[in-house]
């Protein structure tokens, strides 16, 4: 990305604005499709993200490839 910004210095100022605009547009479209207010859609999205993150943290540790390999090796000995 640094090469992109080096050759297009305006990209460093426009890119965050474009990302914010795309985020707002996606939220607006989902809110309109579900007939819900935008703040509720944002809050629900955050809630779902946090639940998935908590699940991955709790299950992800037990499914870590290195830990699984160690458990398998211990069982085979």
PDB file of N, CA and C in Angstrom:
ATOM      1  N   UNK A   1       0.814  -1.182   0.000  1.00  0.00           N
ATOM      2  CA  UNK A   1       0.000   0.000   0.000  1.00  0.00           C
ATOM      3  C   UNK A   1       0.865   1.255   0.000  1.00  0.00           C
ATOM      4  N   UNK A   2       2.069   1.181   0.514  1.00  0.00           N
ATOM      5  CA  UNK A   2       2.912   2.365   0.540  1.00  0.00           C
ATOM      6  C   UNK A   2       3.277   2.814  -0.863  1.00  0.00           C
ATOM      7  N   UNK A   3       3.477   1.868  -1.789  1.00  0.00           N
ATOM      8  CA  UNK A   3       3.763   2.244  -3.168  1.00  0.00           C
ATOM      9  C   UNK A   3       2.554   2.944  -3.781  1.00  0.00           C
ATOM     10  N   UNK A   4       1.367   2.477  -3.449  1.00  0.00           N
ATOM     11  CA  UNK A   4       0.142   3.088  -3.951  1.00  0.00           C
ATOM     12  C   UNK A   4       0.033   4.524  -3.465  1.00  0.00           C
ATOM     13  N   UNK A   5       0.336   4.746  -2.201  1.00  0.00           N
ATOM     14  CA  UNK A   5       0.247   6.093  -1.634  1.00  0.00           C
ATOM     15  C   UNK A   5       1.400   6.960  -2.144  1.00  0.00           C
ATOM     16  N   UNK A   6       2.544   6.350  -2.417  1.00  0.00           N
ATOM     17  CA  UNK A   6       3.674   7.111  -2.909  1.00  0.00           C
ATOM     18  C   UNK A   6       3.357   7.710  -4.275  1.00  0.00           C
ATOM     19  N   UNK A   7       2.703   6.942  -5.136  1.00  0.00           N
ATOM     20  CA  UNK A   7       2.410   7.435  -6.475  1.00  0.00           C
ATOM     21  C   UNK A   7       1.105   8.216  -6.549  1.00  0.00           C
ATOM     22  N   UNK A   8       0.216   8.021  -5.595  1.00  0.00           N
ATOM     23  CA  UNK A   8      -1.039   8.773  -5.544  1.00  0.00           C
ATOM     24  C   UNK A   8      -1.205   9.370  -4.147  1.00  0.00           C
ATOM     25  N   UNK A   9      -0.574  10.503  -3.882  1.00  0.00           N
ATOM     26  CA  UNK A   9      -0.641  11.062  -2.524  1.00  0.00           C
ATOM     27  C   UNK A   9      -2.062  11.407  -2.095  1.00  0.00           C
ATOM     28  N   UNK A  10      -2.933  11.688  -3.033  1.00  0.00           N
ATOM     29  CA  UNK A  10      -4.314  12.013  -2.672  1.00  0.00           C
ATOM     30  C   UNK A  10      -5.041  10.789  -2.128  1.00  0.00           C
ATOM     31  N   UNK A  11      -4.542   9.594  -2.436  1.00  0.00           N
ATOM     32  CA  UNK A  11      -5.186   8.363  -1.968  1.00  0.00           C
ATOM     33  C   UNK A  11      -5.151   8.270  -0.449  1.00  0.00           C
ATOM     34  N   UNK A  12      -4.117   8.816   0.174  1.00  0.00           N
ATOM     35  CA  UNK A  12      -4.027   8.731   1.636  1.00  0.00           C
ATOM     36  C   UNK A  12      -5.113   9.554   2.317  1.00  0.00           C
ATOM     37  N   UNK A  13      -5.637  10.562   1.638  1.00  0.00           N
ATOM     38  CA  UNK A  13      -6.723  11.342   2.214  1.00  0.00           C
ATOM     39  C   UNK A  13      -8.085  10.841   1.753  1.00  0.00           C
ATOM     40  N   UNK A  14      -8.156  10.285   0.559  1.00  0.00           N
ATOM     41  CA  UNK A  14      -9.440   9.829   0.028  1.00  0.00           C
ATOM     42  C   UNK A  14      -9.836   8.444   0.497  1.00  0.00           C
ATOM     43  N   UNK A  15      -8.862   7.579   0.703  1.00  0.00           N
ATOM     44  CA  UNK A  15      -9.159   6.187   1.046  1.00  0.00           C
ATOM     45  C   UNK A  15      -9.976   6.044   2.328  1.00  0.00           C
ATOM     46  N   UNK A  16      -9.629   6.685   3.437  1.00  0.00           N
ATOM     47  CA  UNK A  16     -10.473   6.566   4.643  1.00  0.00           C
ATOM     48  C   UNK A  16     -11.898   7.076   4.417  1.00  0.00           C
ATOM     49  N   UNK A  17     -12.044   8.129   3.623  1.00  0.00           N
ATOM     50  CA  UNK A  17     -13.378   8.647   3.340  1.00  0.00           C
ATOM     51  C   UNK A  17     -14.188   7.649   2.528  1.00  0.00           C
ATOM     52  N   UNK A  18     -13.554   7.008   1.560  1.00  0.00           N
ATOM     53  CA  UNK A  18     -14.255   6.031   0.733  1.00  0.00           C
ATOM     54  C   UNK A  18     -14.646   4.794   1.541  1.00  0.00           C
ATOM     55  N   UNK A  19     -13.794   4.381   2.454  1.00  0.00           N
ATOM     56  CA  UNK A  19     -14.116   3.230   3.309  1.00  0.00           C
ATOM     57  C   UNK A  19     -15.284   3.577   4.230  1.00  0.00           C
ATOM     58  N   UNK A  20     -15.266   4.779   4.790  1.00  0.00           N
ATOM     59  CA  UNK A  20     -16.380   5.218   5.639  1.00  0.00           C
ATOM     60  C   UNK A  20     -17.681   5.309   4.863  1.00  0.00           C
ATOM     61  N   UNK A  21     -17.613   5.792   3.632  1.00  0.00           N
ATOM     62  CA  UNK A  21     -18.798   5.896   2.793  1.00  0.00           C
ATOM     63  C   UNK A  21     -19.348   4.512   2.456  1.00  0.00           C
ATOM     64  N   UNK A  22     -18.460   3.577   2.141  1.00  0.00           N
ATOM     65  CA  UNK A  22     -18.894   2.210   1.826  1.00  0.00           C
ATOM     66  C   UNK A  22     -19.523   1.551   3.049  1.00  0.00           C
ATOM     67  N   UNK A  23     -18.963   1.785   4.224  1.00  0.00           N
ATOM     68  CA  UNK A  23     -19.523   1.238   5.457  1.00  0.00           C
ATOM     69  C   UNK A  23     -20.910   1.811   5.723  1.00  0.00           C
ATOM     70  N   UNK A  24     -21.053   3.125   5.563  1.00  0.00           N
ATOM     71  CA  UNK A  24     -22.345   3.748   5.776  1.00  0.00           C
ATOM     72  C   UNK A  24     -23.375   3.233   4.773  1.00  0.00           C
ATOM     73  N   UNK A  25     -22.967   3.085   3.516  1.00  0.00           N
ATOM     74  CA  UNK A  25     -23.887   2.609   2.482  1.00  0.00           C
ATOM     75  C   UNK A  25     -24.348   1.184   2.767  1.00  0.00           C
ATOM     76  N   UNK A  26     -23.427   0.328   3.202  1.00  0.00           N
ATOM     77  CA  UNK A  26     -23.798  -1.049   3.535  1.00  0.00           C
ATOM     78  C   UNK A  26     -24.769  -1.080   4.714  1.00  0.00           C
ATOM     79  N   UNK A  27     -24.508  -0.274   5.734  1.00  0.00           N
ATOM     80  CA  UNK A  27     -25.409  -0.213   6.881  1.00  0.00           C
ATOM     81  C   UNK A  27     -26.781   0.306   6.467  1.00  0.00           C
ATOM     82  N   UNK A  28     -26.805   1.320   5.637  1.00  0.00           N
ATOM     83  CA  UNK A  28     -28.057   1.892   5.178  1.00  0.00           C
ATOM     84  C   UNK A  28     -28.864   0.881   4.372  1.00  0.00           C
ATOM     85  N   UNK A  29     -28.174   0.142   3.480  1.00  0.00           N
ATOM     86  CA  UNK A  29     -28.876  -0.848   2.659  1.00  0.00           C
ATOM     87  C   UNK A  29     -29.462  -1.975   3.515  1.00  0.00           C
ATOM     88  N   UNK A  30     -28.699  -2.450   4.483  1.00  0.00           N
ATOM     89  CA  UNK A  30     -29.201  -3.513   5.358  1.00  0.00           C
ATOM     90  C   UNK A  30     -30.370  -2.991   6.180  1.00  0.00           C
ATOM     91  N   UNK A  31     -30.257  -1.767   6.685  1.00  0.00           N
ATOM     92  CA  UNK A  31     -31.345  -1.187   7.486  1.00  0.00           C
ATOM     93  C   UNK A  31     -32.610  -1.028   6.655  1.00  0.00           C
ATOM     94  N   UNK A  32     -32.478  -0.578   5.425  1.00  0.00           N
ATOM     95  CA  UNK A  32     -33.645  -0.424   4.562  1.00  0.00           C
ATOM     96  C   UNK A  32     -34.257  -1.776   4.203  1.00  0.00           C
ATOM     97  N   UNK A  33     -33.411  -2.763   3.944  1.00  0.00           N
ATOM     98  CA  UNK A  33     -33.906  -4.088   3.585  1.00  0.00           C
ATOM     99  C   UNK A  33     -34.668  -4.722   4.737  1.00  0.00           C
ATOM    100  N   UNK A  34     -34.165  -4.567   5.950  1.00  0.00           N
ATOM    101  CA  UNK A  34     -34.801  -5.176   7.116  1.00  0.00           C
ATOM    102  C   UNK A  34     -35.832  -4.271   7.786  1.00  0.00           C
ATOM    103  N   UNK A  35     -36.019  -3.074   7.259  1.00  0.00           N
ATOM    104  CA  UNK A  35     -36.934  -2.074   7.834  1.00  0.00           C
ATOM    105  C   UNK A  35     -36.623  -1.823   9.313  1.00  0.00           C
ATOM    106  N   UNK A  36     -35.356  -1.573   9.571  1.00  0.00           N
ATOM    107  CA  UNK A  36     -34.893  -1.298  10.931  1.00  0.00           C
ATOM    108  C   UNK A  36     -34.150   0.037  10.935  1.00  0.00           C
ATOM    109  N   UNK A  37     -34.090   0.713  12.074  1.00  0.00           N
ATOM    110  CA  UNK A  37     -33.273   1.931  12.152  1.00  0.00           C
ATOM    111  C   UNK A  37     -31.782   1.589  12.071  1.00  0.00           C
ATOM    112  N   UNK A  38     -31.016   2.498  11.491  1.00  0.00           N
ATOM    113  CA  UNK A  38     -29.578   2.258  11.304  1.00  0.00           C
ATOM    114  C   UNK A  38     -28.828   2.001  12.615  1.00  0.00           C
ATOM    115  N   UNK A  39     -29.076   2.758  13.702  1.00  0.00           N
ATOM    116  CA  UNK A  39     -28.346   2.469  14.945  1.00  0.00           C
ATOM    117  C   UNK A  39     -28.600   1.051  15.462  1.00  0.00           C
ATOM    118  N   UNK A  40     -29.812   0.548  15.259  1.00  0.00           N
ATOM    119  CA  UNK A  40     -30.113  -0.808  15.697  1.00  0.00           C
ATOM    120  C   UNK A  40     -29.339  -1.833  14.872  1.00  0.00           C
ATOM    121  N   UNK A  41     -29.207  -1.580  13.567  1.00  0.00           N
ATOM    122  CA  UNK A  41     -28.435  -2.476  12.703  1.00  0.00           C
ATOM    123  C   UNK A  41     -26.972  -2.480  13.123  1.00  0.00           C
ATOM    124  N   UNK A  42     -26.424  -1.294  13.422  1.00  0.00           N
ATOM    125  CA  UNK A  42     -25.021  -1.203  13.850  1.00  0.00           C
ATOM    126  C   UNK A  42     -24.810  -1.930  15.175  1.00  0.00           C
ATOM    127  N   UNK A  43     -25.729  -1.741  16.105  1.00  0.00           N
ATOM    128  CA  UNK A  43     -25.613  -2.393  17.410  1.00  0.00           C
ATOM    129  C   UNK A  43     -25.735  -3.907  17.287  1.00  0.00           C
ATOM    130  N   UNK A  44     -26.673  -4.358  16.461  1.00  0.00           N
ATOM    131  CA  UNK A  44     -26.842  -5.800  16.256  1.00  0.00           C
ATOM    132  C   UNK A  44     -25.599  -6.396  15.603  1.00  0.00           C
ATOM    133  N   UNK A  45     -25.017  -5.678  14.656  1.00  0.00           N
ATOM    134  CA  UNK A  45     -23.788  -6.152  14.014  1.00  0.00           C
ATOM    135  C   UNK A  45     -22.645  -6.272  15.002  1.00  0.00           C
ATOM    136  N   UNK A  46     -22.529  -5.286  15.880  1.00  0.00           N
ATOM    137  CA  UNK A  46     -21.486  -5.331  16.905  1.00  0.00           C
ATOM    138  C   UNK A  46     -21.716  -6.492  17.870  1.00  0.00           C
ATOM    139  N   UNK A  47     -22.973  -6.700  18.255  1.00  0.00           N
ATOM    140  CA  UNK A  47     -23.311  -7.800  19.153  1.00  0.00           C
ATOM    141  C   UNK A  47     -22.951  -9.148  18.526  1.00  0.00           C
ATOM    142  N   UNK A  48     -23.309  -9.336  17.257  1.00  0.00           N
ATOM    143  CA  UNK A  48     -23.003 -10.596  16.566  1.00  0.00           C
ATOM    144  C   UNK A  48     -21.488 -10.777  16.465  1.00  0.00           C
ATOM    145  N   UNK A  49     -20.767  -9.711  16.142  1.00  0.00           N
ATOM    146  CA  UNK A  49     -19.313  -9.802  16.045  1.00  0.00           C
ATOM    147  C   UNK A  49     -18.698 -10.222  17.378  1.00  0.00           C
ATOM    148  N   UNK A  50     -19.159  -9.619  18.473  1.00  0.00           N
ATOM    149  CA  UNK A  50     -18.602  -9.950  19.786  1.00  0.00           C
ATOM    150  C   UNK A  50     -18.923 -11.384  20.198  1.00  0.00           C
ATOM    151  N   UNK A  51     -20.125 -11.865  19.876  1.00  0.00           N
ATOM    152  CA  UNK A  51     -20.480 -13.254  20.197  1.00  0.00           C
ATOM    153  C   UNK A  51     -19.607 -14.228  19.419  1.00  0.00           C
ATOM    154  N   UNK A  52     -19.392 -13.955  18.139  1.00  0.00           N
ATOM    155  CA  UNK A  52     -18.546 -14.829  17.320  1.00  0.00           C
ATOM    156  C   UNK A  52     -17.111 -14.784  17.818  1.00  0.00           C
ATOM    157  N   UNK A  53     -16.641 -13.604  18.177  1.00  0.00           N
ATOM    158  CA  UNK A  53     -15.276 -13.470  18.693  1.00  0.00           C
ATOM    159  C   UNK A  53     -15.101 -14.262  19.987  1.00  0.00           C
ATOM    160  N   UNK A  54     -16.074 -14.189  20.880  1.00  0.00           N
ATOM    161  CA  UNK A  54     -15.997 -14.937  22.136  1.00  0.00           C
ATOM    162  C   UNK A  54     -16.014 -16.435  21.869  1.00  0.00           C
ATOM    163  N   UNK A  55     -16.839 -16.888  20.935  1.00  0.00           N
ATOM    164  CA  UNK A  55     -16.890 -18.308  20.587  1.00  0.00           C
ATOM    165  C   UNK A  55     -15.555 -18.774  20.012  1.00  0.00           C
ATOM    166  N   UNK A  56     -14.983 -17.983  19.094  1.00  0.00           N
ATOM    167  CA  UNK A  56     -13.693 -18.360  18.508  1.00  0.00           C
ATOM    168  C   UNK A  56     -12.599 -18.406  19.565  1.00  0.00           C
ATOM    169  N   UNK A  57     -12.633 -17.481  20.510  1.00  0.00           N
ATOM    170  CA  UNK A  57     -11.613 -17.477  21.553  1.00  0.00           C
ATOM    171  C   UNK A  57     -11.745 -18.686  22.467  1.00  0.00           C
ATOM    172  N   UNK A  58     -12.977 -19.095  22.761  1.00  0.00           N
ATOM    173  CA  UNK A  58     -13.148 -20.230  23.675  1.00  0.00           C
ATOM    174  C   UNK A  58     -12.886 -21.555  22.977  1.00  0.00           C
ATOM    175  N   UNK A  59     -13.352 -21.702  21.751  1.00  0.00           N
ATOM    176  CA  UNK A  59     -13.181 -22.968  21.034  1.00  0.00           C
ATOM    177  C   UNK A  59     -11.849 -22.989  20.292  1.00  0.00           C
ATOM    178  N   UNK A  60     -11.418 -21.836  19.842  1.00  0.00           N
ATOM    179  CA  UNK A  60     -10.191 -21.761  19.055  1.00  0.00           C
ATOM    180  C   UNK A  60      -8.965 -22.252  19.799  1.00  0.00           C
ATOM    181  N   UNK A  61      -8.937 -22.054  21.081  1.00  0.00           N
ATOM    182  CA  UNK A  61      -7.780 -22.506  21.854  1.00  0.00           C
ATOM    183  C   UNK A  61      -7.693 -24.024  21.881  1.00  0.00           C
ATOM    184  N   UNK A  62      -8.849 -24.672  21.980  1.00  0.00           N
ATOM    185  CA  UNK A  62      -8.820 -26.130  22.019  1.00  0.00           C
ATOM    186  C   UNK A  62      -8.587 -26.730  20.636  1.00  0.00           C
ATOM    187  N   UNK A  63      -8.838 -25.954  19.571  1.00  0.00           N
ATOM    188  CA  UNK A  63      -8.633 -26.455  18.218  1.00  0.00           C
ATOM    189  C   UNK A  63      -7.328 -25.968  17.601  1.00  0.00           C
ATOM    190  N   UNK A  64      -6.463 -25.418  18.412  1.00  0.00           N
ATOM    191  CA  UNK A  64      -5.170 -24.952  17.933  1.00  0.00           C
ATOM    192  C   UNK A  64      -4.397 -26.141  17.372  1.00  0.00           C
ATOM    193  N   UNK A  65      -3.849 -26.061  16.163  1.00  0.00           N
ATOM    194  CA  UNK A  65      -3.164 -27.199  15.553  1.00  0.00           C
ATOM    195  C   UNK A  65      -1.988 -27.729  16.381  1.00  0.00           C
ATOM    196  N   UNK A  66      -1.269 -26.847  17.026  1.00  0.00           N
ATOM    197  CA  UNK A  66      -0.119 -27.290  17.818  1.00  0.00           C
ATOM    198  C   UNK A  66      -0.593 -28.086  19.033  1.00  0.00           C
ATOM    199  N   UNK A  67      -1.631 -27.602  19.703  1.00  0.00           N
ATOM    200  CA  UNK A  67      -2.164 -28.332  20.857  1.00  0.00           C
ATOM    201  C   UNK A  67      -2.744 -29.671  20.429  1.00  0.00           C
ATOM    202  N   UNK A  68      -3.463 -29.691  19.305  1.00  0.00           N
ATOM    203  CA  UNK A  68      -4.012 -30.958  18.810  1.00  0.00           C
ATOM    204  C   UNK A  68      -2.900 -31.946  18.494  1.00  0.00           C
ATOM    205  N   UNK A  69      -1.822 -31.469  17.897  1.00  0.00           N
ATOM    206  CA  UNK A  69      -0.693 -32.330  17.572  1.00  0.00           C
ATOM    207  C   UNK A  69      -0.069 -32.899  18.855  1.00  0.00           C
ATOM    208  N   UNK A  70       0.087 -32.068  19.865  1.00  0.00           N
ATOM    209  CA  UNK A  70       0.656 -32.531  21.135  1.00  0.00           C
ATOM    210  C   UNK A  70      -0.245 -33.572  21.793  1.00  0.00           C
ATOM    211  N   UNK A  71      -1.564 -33.346  21.760  1.00  0.00           N
ATOM    212  CA  UNK A  71      -2.494 -34.315  22.337  1.00  0.00           C
ATOM    213  C   UNK A  71      -2.448 -35.644  21.596  1.00  0.00           C
ATOM    214  N   UNK A  72      -2.393 -35.567  20.285  1.00  0.00           N
ATOM    215  CA  UNK A  72      -2.312 -36.794  19.476  1.00  0.00           C
ATOM    216  C   UNK A  72      -1.029 -37.536  19.753  1.00  0.00           C
ATOM    217  N   UNK A  73       0.081 -36.823  19.843  1.00  0.00           N
ATOM    218  CA  UNK A  73       1.352 -37.474  20.155  1.00  0.00           C
ATOM    219  C   UNK A  73       1.329 -38.124  21.511  1.00  0.00           C
ATOM    220  N   UNK A  74       0.700 -37.464  22.504  1.00  0.00           N
ATOM    221  CA  UNK A  74       0.622 -38.012  23.853  1.00  0.00           C
ATOM    222  C   UNK A  74      -0.247 -39.276  23.868  1.00  0.00           C
ATOM    223  N   UNK A  75      -1.295 -39.294  23.069  1.00  0.00           N
ATOM    224  CA  UNK A  75      -2.167 -40.469  23.020  1.00  0.00           C
ATOM    225  C   UNK A  75      -1.481 -41.664  22.358  1.00  0.00           C
ATOM    226  N   UNK A  76      -0.625 -41.393  21.385  1.00  0.00           N
ATOM    227  CA  UNK A  76       0.024 -42.468  20.649  1.00  0.00           C
ATOM    228  C   UNK A  76       1.212 -43.054  21.407  1.00  0.00           C
ATOM    229  N   UNK A  77       1.691 -42.405  22.409  1.00  0.00           N
ATOM    230  CA  UNK A  77       2.837 -42.923  23.169  1.00  0.00           C
ATOM    231  C   UNK A  77       2.438 -43.953  24.158  1.00  0.00           C
TER     232      UNK A  77
END
